[in-house]
Protein backbone atom coordinates (compact mmCIF):
# COMPACT_ATOMS: atom_id res chain seq x y z
CA UNK A 1 28.96 2.93 -2.40
CA UNK A 2 27.04 0.39 -4.41
CA UNK A 3 24.47 1.50 -6.98
CA UNK A 4 20.97 0.22 -6.39
CA UNK A 5 19.08 -0.98 -9.44
CA UNK A 6 15.30 -1.10 -9.43
CA UNK A 7 14.07 -3.50 -12.06
CA UNK A 8 11.11 -2.84 -14.34
CA UNK A 9 9.33 -5.80 -12.74
CA UNK A 10 9.64 -4.23 -9.26
CA UNK A 11 8.43 -0.85 -10.56
CA UNK A 12 5.41 -2.50 -12.15
CA UNK A 13 4.63 -4.42 -8.97
CA UNK A 14 4.82 -1.27 -6.83
CA UNK A 15 2.65 0.68 -9.27
CA UNK A 16 0.02 -2.06 -9.20
CA UNK A 17 0.15 -2.03 -5.39
CA UNK A 18 -0.39 1.74 -5.36
CA UNK A 19 -3.30 1.42 -7.79
CA UNK A 20 -4.90 -1.25 -5.59
CA UNK A 21 -4.56 1.09 -2.60
CA UNK A 22 -6.19 3.87 -4.64
CA UNK A 23 -9.01 1.52 -5.62
CA UNK A 24 -9.57 0.51 -1.97
CA UNK A 25 -9.62 4.16 -0.93
CA UNK A 26 -12.25 4.88 -3.59
CA UNK A 27 -14.33 1.92 -2.40
CA UNK A 28 -14.14 3.26 1.18
CA UNK A 29 -15.21 6.70 -0.07
CA UNK A 30 -18.11 5.20 -2.01
CA UNK A 31 -19.20 3.25 1.07
CA UNK A 32 -19.16 6.45 3.15
CA UNK A 33 -21.20 8.27 0.51
CA UNK A 34 -23.82 5.52 0.51
CA UNK A 35 -23.85 5.09 4.30
CA UNK A 36 -24.25 8.82 5.07
CA UNK A 37 -26.61 9.57 2.13
CA UNK A 38 -24.45 12.36 0.72
CA UNK A 39 -24.55 13.52 -2.90
CA UNK A 40 -22.61 11.55 -5.51
CA UNK A 41 -20.66 14.71 -6.36
CA UNK A 42 -18.60 13.89 -3.24
CA UNK A 43 -16.74 11.33 -5.39
CA UNK A 44 -15.18 14.23 -7.31
CA UNK A 45 -14.87 16.82 -4.56
CA UNK A 46 -13.17 14.48 -2.09
CA UNK A 47 -10.58 13.08 -4.52
CA UNK A 48 -7.70 14.73 -2.65
CA UNK A 49 -8.74 12.99 0.56
CA UNK A 50 -8.93 9.73 -1.36
CA UNK A 51 -5.41 10.25 -2.72
CA UNK A 52 -4.06 11.00 0.76
CA UNK A 53 -5.81 7.92 2.16
CA UNK A 54 -4.41 5.80 -0.69
CA UNK A 55 -0.88 7.01 0.08
CA UNK A 56 -1.42 6.24 3.77
CA UNK A 57 -2.59 2.72 2.86
CA UNK A 58 0.46 2.26 0.64
CA UNK A 59 2.83 3.38 3.41
CA UNK A 60 1.09 1.05 5.88
CA UNK A 61 1.37 -1.84 3.42
CA UNK A 62 5.08 -1.08 2.88
CA UNK A 63 5.67 -1.15 6.65
CA UNK A 64 3.88 -4.50 6.95
CA UNK A 65 6.00 -5.93 4.11
CA UNK A 66 9.18 -4.53 5.67
CA UNK A 67 8.28 -6.16 8.98
CA UNK A 68 7.59 -9.45 7.20
CA UNK A 69 10.91 -9.37 5.35
CA UNK A 70 12.72 -8.55 8.58
CA UNK A 71 11.12 -11.44 10.42
CA UNK A 72 11.89 -13.79 7.54
CA UNK A 73 15.56 -12.78 7.59
CA UNK A 74 15.67 -13.05 11.39
CA UNK A 75 14.25 -16.57 11.42
CA UNK A 76 16.31 -17.77 8.47
CA UNK A 77 19.53 -16.69 10.22
CA UNK A 78 18.44 -18.43 13.41
CA UNK A 79 17.97 -21.69 11.52
CA UNK A 80 21.47 -21.40 10.02
CA UNK A 81 23.06 -20.83 13.45
CA UNK A 82 21.34 -23.88 14.97
CA UNK A 83 23.29 -26.31 12.72
């Protein structure tokens, strides 16, 4: 079986993607706090929900990218078979 190497560039890109998802989850939490007029202490007390939501966003984004890569491979093979 072949060893899979994950480059430092890929690790950095995935970490940045996860941090963006965490940032978006915090923005959504802040919006909910403002919209429902709850205390600002909710930013701290709901951090575990924010982390779970960030992980869910990251998984969703990974599935979208996987679908995109699959479609790209599917269409690139179709073009090669047409010739």
